[in-house]
Amino acid sequence: MHSAKVPLQNPPIKWAEGHKGVFNIEVQAVSSVHTQDNHLEKFFTLCHSLESQVTFPIRVLDQKISEMALEHELKLSIICLNSSRLEPLVLFLHLVLDKLFQLSVQPMVIAGQTANFSQFAFESVVAIANSLHNSKDLSKDQHGRNCLLASYVHYVFRLPELQRDVPKSGAPTALPDPRYHTYGRTSAAAVSSKLLQARVMSSSNPDLAGTHSAADEEVKNIMSSKIADRNCSRMSYYCSGNSDVPSSTTAPRPASKKHFHEELALQMVVSTGMVRETVFKYAWFFFELLVKSMAQHVHNMDKQDSFRRTRFSDRFMDDITTIVNVVTSEIAALLVKPQKENEQAEKMNISLAFFLYDLLSLMDRGFVFNLIRHYCNQLSAKLNNLPTLISMRLEFLRILCSHEHYLNLNLFFMNADTAPTSPCPSISSQVIKELFN
């Protein structure tokens, strides 16, 4: 080995301690584009692989992922999102939530198999909401709500934009957008050569082996499966952006459509254990998501002038009834515990009141008044402490009575001709007065 020699200096320089280093330099990368967090990086990379034509296996950090393992790895990345460092999670919070909400309703076909990520996406949102509320570094408003989540719902959230089936020019049938499917190695090459006709294939790459002249049958099956069936079932008849959603994670099933608000309500109803406890602990966030998605749905579907009873499905109304009943039971349970959690019960009570307050502007008002009556009856049956019962009900009704149309809705009229016209008709408004007689 030859030792490096220091070039001669003019004038001569004397080095301290035999040319020993005096200090060290450490460079820390800072970026607003790259997440700099392994959990977030993996999640975004796998989501991108679903939205683009890629050749498998794909490289994620130091790991190679095949097409068959993509579904499993994506589920793991969704579950691990809550393990991300707080700072990058906050910086990319809006993108993370948008992707999770899209996965909850977006159809995914992976290696010819349909995949449903709704439950995993919902549970990840719940875990993230819990982490943000529990962080001492993040601010909260006067009502104890995390400011980041409140700002997201108010300023950022909108219904997931899902691709519609766009007909090919001159073709009699519509083909689905291929970017929501994944293709195998040969498939990717065949589809690219057919559709793009501009991709240069490397003959030295064994992953691109295969016949490129004929269309791959697997691709035909994948692309035709999305329009083959549009049958609906109890758990999967939802519509959001007119995109099909599969209902199985192991085999192709009849495709269906989802509304985001219906899927969110369903996940709230079927949640169990710690997930359910967290959902109702931070009920304000999920209630506001529900209300805003419902309002955007009414606007997007041009249902502002339609009868309120026809705006939402009966299944969704059943889920709303279940949610209100469960939250009411949870409020009563918190108040009768040996160590009463009055503060948490009051927050849930206020959140429920504002939720029903908003529903009065969106849903059939007779249906909402029925929910109010059930709340009062259910709370009266479960609470023996009269002062606490009166306090909770008064606070609940005080919020509802502040609604701009609440007074008119409760006035008694001898006949319908003398009643003022509602700015937005409700089929059941005529029987509201009977609910409290």
Protein backbone atom coordinates (compact mmCIF):
# COMPACT_ATOMS: atom_id res chain seq x y z
CA MET A 1 0.00 0.00 0.00
CA HIS A 2 1.13 3.51 -0.76
CA SER A 3 0.37 6.15 1.81
CA ALA A 4 -1.05 9.40 0.54
CA LYS A 5 1.41 12.24 0.71
CA VAL A 6 0.49 15.79 1.55
CA PRO A 7 1.59 18.06 -1.30
CA LEU A 8 4.29 20.54 -0.57
CA GLN A 9 3.00 23.88 0.61
CA ASN A 10 4.50 27.25 -0.20
CA PRO A 11 5.08 28.70 2.30
CA PRO A 12 5.58 25.50 4.36
CA ILE A 13 2.73 24.54 6.76
CA LYS A 14 3.16 22.78 10.06
CA TRP A 15 0.31 20.31 10.76
CA ALA A 16 -0.87 19.78 14.34
CA GLU A 17 -0.66 16.22 15.70
CA GLY A 18 0.56 14.69 12.46
CA HIS A 19 -2.23 15.99 10.22
CA LYS A 20 -4.97 14.70 12.57
CA GLY A 21 -8.54 15.76 11.90
CA VAL A 22 -9.77 18.67 14.02
CA PHE A 23 -13.56 18.25 13.63
CA ASN A 24 -16.19 15.99 12.02
CA ILE A 25 -19.06 17.00 9.73
CA GLU A 26 -22.43 15.26 9.83
CA VAL A 27 -24.95 15.90 7.05
CA GLN A 28 -28.66 15.47 7.81
CA ALA A 29 -31.02 15.29 4.85
CA VAL A 30 -34.14 17.46 5.05
CA SER A 31 -36.87 17.12 2.42
CA SER A 32 -40.47 18.12 1.90
CA VAL A 33 -40.84 15.58 -0.90
CA HIS A 34 -39.36 12.37 0.52
CA THR A 35 -40.95 11.00 3.66
CA GLN A 36 -37.68 9.92 5.30
CA ASP A 37 -39.65 7.28 7.18
CA ASN A 38 -39.51 3.62 6.19
CA HIS A 39 -43.15 2.88 7.07
CA LEU A 40 -44.51 5.80 5.07
CA GLU A 41 -42.11 5.15 2.20
CA LYS A 42 -43.25 1.54 1.88
CA PHE A 43 -46.93 2.49 2.04
CA PHE A 44 -46.67 5.17 -0.65
CA THR A 45 -44.50 2.98 -2.89
CA LEU A 46 -46.97 0.08 -2.76
CA CYS A 47 -49.91 2.42 -3.39
CA HIS A 48 -48.05 3.80 -6.40
CA SER A 49 -47.55 0.26 -7.72
CA LEU A 50 -51.34 -0.16 -7.73
CA GLU A 51 -51.87 3.09 -9.61
CA SER A 52 -49.23 2.56 -12.31
CA GLN A 53 -48.17 -0.13 -14.73
CA VAL A 54 -45.14 -1.68 -13.10
CA THR A 55 -42.98 -4.72 -13.74
CA PHE A 56 -42.65 -7.18 -10.89
CA PRO A 57 -40.81 -7.82 -8.70
CA ILE A 58 -40.66 -4.24 -7.41
CA ARG A 59 -38.06 -2.96 -5.00
CA VAL A 60 -39.21 -1.29 -1.77
CA LEU A 61 -36.24 -0.07 0.25
CA ASP A 62 -34.07 -3.22 0.55
CA GLN A 63 -36.90 -5.64 -0.15
CA LYS A 64 -38.08 -7.18 -3.41
CA ILE A 65 -41.83 -7.76 -3.59
CA SER A 66 -43.45 -10.07 -6.11
CA GLU A 67 -46.92 -9.60 -7.48
CA MET A 68 -48.28 -12.49 -5.42
CA ALA A 69 -46.96 -10.91 -2.21
CA LEU A 70 -48.20 -7.40 -3.01
CA GLU A 71 -51.56 -7.71 -1.25
CA HIS A 72 -49.99 -9.11 1.93
CA GLU A 73 -47.25 -6.46 1.99
CA LEU A 74 -49.73 -3.64 1.41
CA LYS A 75 -51.87 -4.83 4.32
CA LEU A 76 -48.77 -4.94 6.53
CA SER A 77 -47.79 -1.42 5.47
CA ILE A 78 -51.28 -0.14 6.31
CA ILE A 79 -51.12 -1.75 9.76
CA CYS A 80 -47.62 -0.32 10.39
CA LEU A 81 -48.52 3.25 9.47
CA ASN A 82 -49.17 4.06 13.11
CA SER A 83 -45.55 3.11 13.87
CA SER A 84 -44.26 5.98 11.74
CA ARG A 85 -42.37 8.78 13.41
CA LEU A 86 -44.64 11.62 14.47
CA GLU A 87 -42.94 14.39 12.50
CA PRO A 88 -43.12 12.82 9.01
CA LEU A 89 -46.60 11.48 9.77
CA VAL A 90 -47.79 15.00 10.53
CA LEU A 91 -46.12 16.41 7.42
CA PHE A 92 -47.76 13.83 5.15
CA LEU A 93 -50.98 13.38 7.15
CA HIS A 94 -53.30 14.64 4.43
CA LEU A 95 -51.76 12.30 1.85
CA VAL A 96 -51.89 9.32 4.21
CA LEU A 97 -55.56 9.87 5.07
CA ASP A 98 -56.51 10.48 1.44
CA LYS A 99 -54.84 7.22 0.39
CA LEU A 100 -56.49 5.27 3.22
CA PHE A 101 -59.92 6.64 2.37
CA GLN A 102 -59.38 5.80 -1.28
CA LEU A 103 -58.34 2.25 -0.42
CA SER A 104 -61.53 1.85 1.62
CA VAL A 105 -63.70 2.23 -1.50
CA GLN A 106 -61.38 1.70 -4.47
CA PRO A 107 -61.50 -1.66 -6.28
CA MET A 108 -58.17 -3.42 -6.40
CA VAL A 109 -57.33 -6.38 -8.63
CA ILE A 110 -53.97 -7.89 -7.73
CA ALA A 111 -52.64 -10.80 -9.77
CA GLY A 112 -56.17 -11.55 -10.96
CA GLN A 113 -57.55 -11.61 -7.40
CA THR A 114 -59.81 -8.95 -5.92
CA ALA A 115 -58.63 -7.42 -2.66
CA ASN A 116 -60.61 -5.54 -0.02
CA PHE A 117 -58.62 -3.18 2.21
CA SER A 118 -61.59 -1.39 3.84
CA GLN A 119 -61.21 -2.79 7.34
CA PHE A 120 -57.43 -2.39 7.41
CA ALA A 121 -57.67 1.19 6.16
CA PHE A 122 -60.36 2.08 8.69
CA GLU A 123 -58.45 0.59 11.62
CA SER A 124 -55.32 2.44 10.53
CA VAL A 125 -57.25 5.74 10.50
CA VAL A 126 -58.52 4.98 14.00
CA ALA A 127 -54.99 4.23 15.24
CA ILE A 128 -53.62 7.43 13.69
CA ALA A 129 -56.40 9.51 15.24
CA ASN A 130 -55.63 7.97 18.62
CA SER A 131 -51.89 8.68 18.30
CA LEU A 132 -52.42 12.30 17.30
CA HIS A 133 -54.81 12.91 20.21
CA ASN A 134 -52.42 11.29 22.70
CA SER A 135 -49.37 13.26 21.53
CA LYS A 136 -48.33 16.01 23.94
CA ASP A 137 -46.51 17.83 21.14
CA LEU A 138 -49.65 18.53 19.10
CA SER A 139 -52.14 21.25 19.94
CA LYS A 140 -55.80 20.77 20.78
CA ASP A 141 -58.67 23.22 20.66
CA GLN A 142 -60.86 24.23 23.59
CA HIS A 143 -63.02 21.13 23.11
CA GLY A 144 -60.07 18.72 23.25
CA ARG A 145 -60.06 18.03 19.50
CA ASN A 146 -56.76 17.55 17.70
CA CYS A 147 -56.25 20.64 15.55
CA LEU A 148 -54.64 18.71 12.68
CA LEU A 149 -57.60 16.37 12.30
CA ALA A 150 -60.10 19.21 12.67
CA SER A 151 -58.30 21.20 9.96
CA TYR A 152 -58.13 18.17 7.69
CA VAL A 153 -61.87 17.56 7.85
CA HIS A 154 -62.73 21.23 7.43
CA TYR A 155 -60.28 22.26 4.70
CA VAL A 156 -58.83 19.17 3.00
CA PHE A 157 -61.20 16.21 3.00
CA ARG A 158 -63.24 15.46 -0.07
CA LEU A 159 -64.76 12.28 -1.43
CA PRO A 160 -62.16 9.94 -2.94
CA GLU A 161 -61.81 10.61 -6.64
CA LEU A 162 -62.15 7.23 -8.30
CA GLN A 163 -61.62 6.61 -11.99
CA ARG A 164 -64.71 5.98 -14.08
CA ASP A 165 -64.79 3.47 -16.92
CA VAL A 166 -63.80 5.49 -19.97
CA PRO A 167 -64.88 4.07 -23.37
CA LYS A 168 -62.15 3.69 -25.96
CA SER A 169 -62.77 5.78 -29.06
CA GLY A 170 -64.54 3.69 -31.67
CA ALA A 171 -65.02 0.77 -29.30
CA PRO A 172 -68.55 -0.47 -28.50
CA THR A 173 -67.76 -1.32 -24.87
CA ALA A 174 -66.05 0.57 -22.07
CA LEU A 175 -62.74 -0.61 -20.70
CA PRO A 176 -61.74 0.11 -17.12
CA ASP A 177 -58.75 2.29 -16.35
CA PRO A 178 -55.85 -0.21 -16.12
CA ARG A 179 -53.94 1.77 -13.52
CA TYR A 180 -55.94 0.15 -10.72
CA HIS A 181 -54.78 -3.31 -11.75
CA THR A 182 -51.39 -4.92 -11.39
CA TYR A 183 -49.84 -7.00 -14.13
CA GLY A 184 -47.33 -9.85 -14.14
CA ARG A 185 -43.98 -9.60 -15.86
CA THR A 186 -45.09 -10.86 -19.26
CA SER A 187 -48.42 -9.09 -18.86
CA ALA A 188 -46.81 -5.74 -18.25
CA ALA A 189 -44.71 -6.08 -21.39
CA ALA A 190 -47.66 -7.17 -23.53
CA VAL A 191 -49.98 -4.41 -22.34
CA SER A 192 -47.29 -1.78 -22.73
CA SER A 193 -46.44 -2.86 -26.27
CA LYS A 194 -50.10 -2.92 -27.21
CA LEU A 195 -51.21 0.36 -25.66
CA LEU A 196 -48.09 2.51 -25.62
CA GLN A 197 -46.16 0.98 -28.56
CA ALA A 198 -43.18 3.03 -27.53
CA ARG A 199 -41.52 1.02 -24.79
CA VAL A 200 -38.07 -0.39 -25.42
CA MET A 201 -37.62 -3.85 -23.94
CA SER A 202 -34.26 -5.04 -22.69
CA SER A 203 -33.36 -8.46 -24.12
CA SER A 204 -30.89 -9.00 -21.28
CA ASN A 205 -33.56 -8.70 -18.57
CA PRO A 206 -35.01 -12.15 -17.72
CA ASP A 207 -38.02 -10.50 -16.05
CA LEU A 208 -39.25 -9.29 -19.44
CA ALA A 209 -39.20 -12.69 -21.10
CA GLY A 210 -42.32 -13.70 -22.98
CA THR A 211 -44.13 -13.28 -26.27
CA HIS A 212 -44.98 -9.63 -26.86
CA SER A 213 -46.95 -10.04 -30.05
CA ALA A 214 -50.09 -11.58 -28.61
CA ALA A 215 -52.25 -10.13 -25.87
CA ASP A 216 -51.95 -11.94 -22.57
CA GLU A 217 -55.07 -13.84 -21.55
CA GLU A 218 -54.54 -12.94 -17.90
CA VAL A 219 -54.75 -9.26 -18.75
CA LYS A 220 -57.95 -9.83 -20.70
CA ASN A 221 -59.48 -11.58 -17.69
CA ILE A 222 -58.40 -8.84 -15.31
CA MET A 223 -59.67 -6.03 -17.50
CA SER A 224 -62.98 -7.75 -18.23
CA SER A 225 -63.65 -8.82 -14.63
CA LYS A 226 -64.42 -5.26 -13.60
CA ILE A 227 -67.37 -4.92 -15.97
CA ALA A 228 -68.51 -8.55 -15.88
CA ASP A 229 -70.83 -8.20 -12.88
CA ARG A 230 -72.41 -5.34 -11.01
CA ASN A 231 -74.44 -7.36 -8.56
CA CYS A 232 -74.86 -6.00 -5.08
CA SER A 233 -74.93 -7.48 -1.58
CA ARG A 234 -75.70 -6.18 1.92
CA MET A 235 -72.04 -5.62 2.80
CA SER A 236 -70.87 -4.29 -0.54
CA TYR A 237 -73.61 -2.26 -2.21
CA TYR A 238 -72.10 1.17 -2.02
CA CYS A 239 -71.30 3.73 -4.66
CA SER A 240 -68.62 6.38 -4.68
CA GLY A 241 -67.47 7.83 -7.94
CA ASN A 242 -69.22 5.02 -9.87
CA SER A 243 -66.30 2.63 -9.39
CA ASP A 244 -66.60 -1.06 -8.73
CA VAL A 245 -65.45 -2.54 -5.46
CA PRO A 246 -64.76 -6.23 -4.85
CA SER A 247 -65.98 -7.87 -1.68
CA SER A 248 -63.36 -10.56 -1.18
CA THR A 249 -59.65 -10.77 -0.51
CA THR A 250 -59.07 -14.25 -1.87
CA ALA A 251 -61.04 -14.74 -5.07
CA PRO A 252 -62.89 -12.64 -7.66
CA ARG A 253 -66.44 -11.84 -6.64
CA PRO A 254 -69.21 -9.88 -8.33
CA ALA A 255 -68.11 -6.25 -8.41
CA SER A 256 -70.17 -3.59 -6.68
CA LYS A 257 -70.17 0.08 -5.93
CA LYS A 258 -69.56 2.04 -2.76
CA HIS A 259 -70.47 5.35 -1.23
CA PHE A 260 -67.77 6.54 1.14
CA HIS A 261 -70.24 7.64 3.82
CA GLU A 262 -71.94 4.25 3.73
CA GLU A 263 -68.66 2.39 3.99
CA LEU A 264 -67.54 4.60 6.89
CA ALA A 265 -70.82 4.07 8.75
CA LEU A 266 -70.61 0.31 8.16
CA GLN A 267 -67.06 0.13 9.53
CA MET A 268 -68.13 2.09 12.62
CA VAL A 269 -70.97 -0.38 13.19
CA VAL A 270 -68.97 -3.59 12.73
CA SER A 271 -65.85 -2.42 14.63
CA THR A 272 -65.08 -4.27 17.86
CA GLY A 273 -62.76 -4.18 20.86
CA MET A 274 -60.25 -1.38 21.17
CA VAL A 275 -61.09 -0.09 17.70
CA ARG A 276 -64.71 0.54 18.70
CA GLU A 277 -63.70 2.16 21.99
CA THR A 278 -61.35 4.52 20.17
CA VAL A 279 -63.93 5.34 17.50
CA PHE A 280 -66.47 6.49 20.06
CA LYS A 281 -63.86 8.15 22.25
CA TYR A 282 -63.02 10.43 19.34
CA ALA A 283 -66.50 10.29 17.83
CA TRP A 284 -66.38 13.94 16.79
CA PHE A 285 -63.83 13.17 14.04
CA PHE A 286 -65.79 10.30 12.50
CA PHE A 287 -69.10 12.17 12.86
CA GLU A 288 -67.67 15.16 10.99
CA LEU A 289 -66.27 12.86 8.30
CA LEU A 290 -69.71 11.31 7.93
CA VAL A 291 -71.49 14.65 7.70
CA LYS A 292 -69.08 16.16 5.19
CA SER A 293 -69.09 13.07 2.97
CA MET A 294 -72.90 13.04 3.10
CA ALA A 295 -73.08 16.72 2.13
CA GLN A 296 -70.65 16.24 -0.74
CA HIS A 297 -72.60 13.19 -1.90
CA VAL A 298 -75.85 15.19 -1.97
CA HIS A 299 -74.10 17.93 -3.93
CA ASN A 300 -72.35 15.62 -6.39
CA MET A 301 -75.50 13.64 -7.08
CA ASP A 302 -77.63 16.81 -7.47
CA LYS A 303 -80.01 15.72 -4.73
CA GLN A 304 -80.42 19.14 -3.10
CA ASP A 305 -84.01 19.48 -4.36
CA SER A 306 -85.02 15.84 -3.98
CA PHE A 307 -87.02 14.48 -1.07
CA ARG A 308 -84.79 13.89 1.93
CA ARG A 309 -86.12 10.36 2.35
CA THR A 310 -84.66 9.41 -1.03
CA ARG A 311 -81.19 10.91 -0.53
CA PHE A 312 -79.76 7.98 1.42
CA SER A 313 -80.36 4.25 1.36
CA ASP A 314 -82.33 2.35 3.99
CA ARG A 315 -79.19 0.36 4.89
CA PHE A 316 -77.32 3.55 5.63
CA MET A 317 -80.17 4.86 7.76
CA ASP A 318 -80.16 1.58 9.70
CA ASP A 319 -76.43 2.00 10.31
CA ILE A 320 -76.94 5.58 11.53
CA THR A 321 -79.61 4.33 13.94
CA THR A 322 -77.23 1.68 15.24
CA ILE A 323 -74.42 4.21 15.69
CA VAL A 324 -76.63 6.61 17.66
CA ASN A 325 -77.91 3.81 19.89
CA VAL A 326 -74.40 2.49 20.56
CA VAL A 327 -73.03 5.95 21.38
CA THR A 328 -75.98 6.61 23.72
CA SER A 329 -75.34 3.31 25.49
CA GLU A 330 -71.65 4.18 25.77
CA ILE A 331 -72.49 7.55 27.34
CA ALA A 332 -74.73 5.88 29.92
CA ALA A 333 -72.07 3.21 30.62
CA LEU A 334 -69.44 5.88 31.32
CA LEU A 335 -71.76 7.62 33.80
CA VAL A 336 -72.62 4.50 35.82
CA LYS A 337 -69.05 3.22 36.21
CA PRO A 338 -67.68 3.16 39.78
CA GLN A 339 -65.11 5.74 38.68
CA LYS A 340 -67.36 7.96 36.65
CA GLU A 341 -65.80 9.36 33.51
CA ASN A 342 -68.03 12.42 33.36
CA GLU A 343 -65.72 14.47 31.15
CA GLN A 344 -65.50 11.81 28.45
CA ALA A 345 -69.26 11.21 28.63
CA GLU A 346 -69.93 14.92 28.22
CA LYS A 347 -67.66 15.11 25.15
CA MET A 348 -69.40 12.16 23.53
CA ASN A 349 -72.79 13.64 24.39
CA ILE A 350 -71.90 16.97 22.77
CA SER A 351 -70.44 15.23 19.70
CA LEU A 352 -73.63 13.21 19.26
CA ALA A 353 -75.77 16.34 19.64
CA PHE A 354 -73.85 18.21 16.96
CA PHE A 355 -74.01 15.15 14.72
CA LEU A 356 -77.81 15.04 14.92
CA TYR A 357 -77.83 18.84 14.54
CA ASP A 358 -76.07 18.43 11.18
CA LEU A 359 -78.31 15.54 10.15
CA LEU A 360 -81.33 17.84 10.49
CA SER A 361 -79.96 19.72 7.48
CA LEU A 362 -79.25 16.60 5.40
CA MET A 363 -81.60 13.74 6.23
CA ASP A 364 -85.30 13.21 6.65
CA ARG A 365 -86.20 15.23 9.73
CA GLY A 366 -88.81 12.78 10.94
CA PHE A 367 -86.09 10.13 11.00
CA VAL A 368 -83.75 12.44 12.94
CA PHE A 369 -86.45 13.32 15.47
CA ASN A 370 -87.02 9.62 16.00
CA LEU A 371 -83.33 9.30 16.82
CA ILE A 372 -83.67 12.15 19.33
CA ARG A 373 -86.62 10.44 20.98
CA HIS A 374 -84.74 7.14 21.19
CA TYR A 375 -81.79 8.95 22.75
CA CYS A 376 -83.98 10.50 25.47
CA ASN A 377 -85.78 7.23 26.21
CA GLN A 378 -82.59 5.18 26.25
CA LEU A 379 -80.79 7.60 28.55
CA SER A 380 -83.76 7.77 30.93
CA ALA A 381 -83.92 3.97 31.16
CA LYS A 382 -80.23 3.58 32.00
CA LEU A 383 -79.52 6.52 34.32
CA ASN A 384 -80.85 6.47 37.87
CA ASN A 385 -79.07 9.67 38.88
CA LEU A 386 -81.68 12.33 38.11
CA PRO A 387 -79.39 15.42 38.23
CA THR A 388 -76.90 13.82 35.83
CA LEU A 389 -79.70 12.71 33.51
CA ILE A 390 -81.23 16.19 33.42
CA SER A 391 -77.84 17.81 32.84
CA MET A 392 -76.97 15.54 29.90
CA ARG A 393 -80.36 15.91 28.26
CA LEU A 394 -80.45 19.69 28.67
CA GLU A 395 -77.00 20.08 27.11
CA PHE A 396 -78.02 17.75 24.29
CA LEU A 397 -81.27 19.60 23.57
CA ARG A 398 -79.65 23.02 23.94
CA ILE A 399 -77.43 22.24 20.96
CA LEU A 400 -80.30 20.87 18.89
CA CYS A 401 -82.54 23.82 19.69
CA SER A 402 -79.95 26.17 18.20
CA HIS A 403 -80.74 24.75 14.75
CA GLU A 404 -82.22 27.45 12.51
CA HIS A 405 -85.38 25.44 11.73
CA TYR A 406 -85.84 23.69 15.05
CA LEU A 407 -88.52 26.06 16.37
CA ASN A 408 -90.66 25.90 13.23
CA LEU A 409 -90.42 22.13 13.18
CA ASN A 410 -91.87 21.91 16.70
CA LEU A 411 -94.72 24.41 16.36
CA PHE A 412 -98.21 22.94 16.43
CA PHE A 413 -100.55 23.81 13.54
CA MET A 414 -104.20 22.89 13.21
CA ASN A 415 -103.71 21.85 9.59
CA ALA A 416 -100.93 21.58 7.08
CA ASP A 417 -102.10 24.66 5.14
CA THR A 418 -101.22 27.03 7.97
CA ALA A 419 -97.73 25.56 8.50
CA PRO A 420 -94.81 27.49 6.97
CA THR A 421 -93.16 25.93 3.95
CA SER A 422 -89.93 24.11 4.70
CA PRO A 423 -86.95 25.35 2.66
CA CYS A 424 -86.20 21.70 1.89
CA PRO A 425 -89.15 19.29 2.06
CA SER A 426 -89.10 16.25 4.31
CA ILE A 427 -91.55 13.40 3.82
CA SER A 428 -91.88 12.80 7.55
CA SER A 429 -92.00 16.44 8.66
CA GLN A 430 -95.77 16.27 8.93
CA VAL A 431 -95.62 13.65 11.68
CA ILE A 432 -92.86 15.25 13.76
CA LYS A 433 -95.31 16.73 16.25
CA GLU A 434 -96.71 13.24 16.90
CA LEU A 435 -93.34 11.97 18.07
CA PHE A 436 -93.37 14.05 21.23
CA ASN A 437 -97.08 13.82 22.07
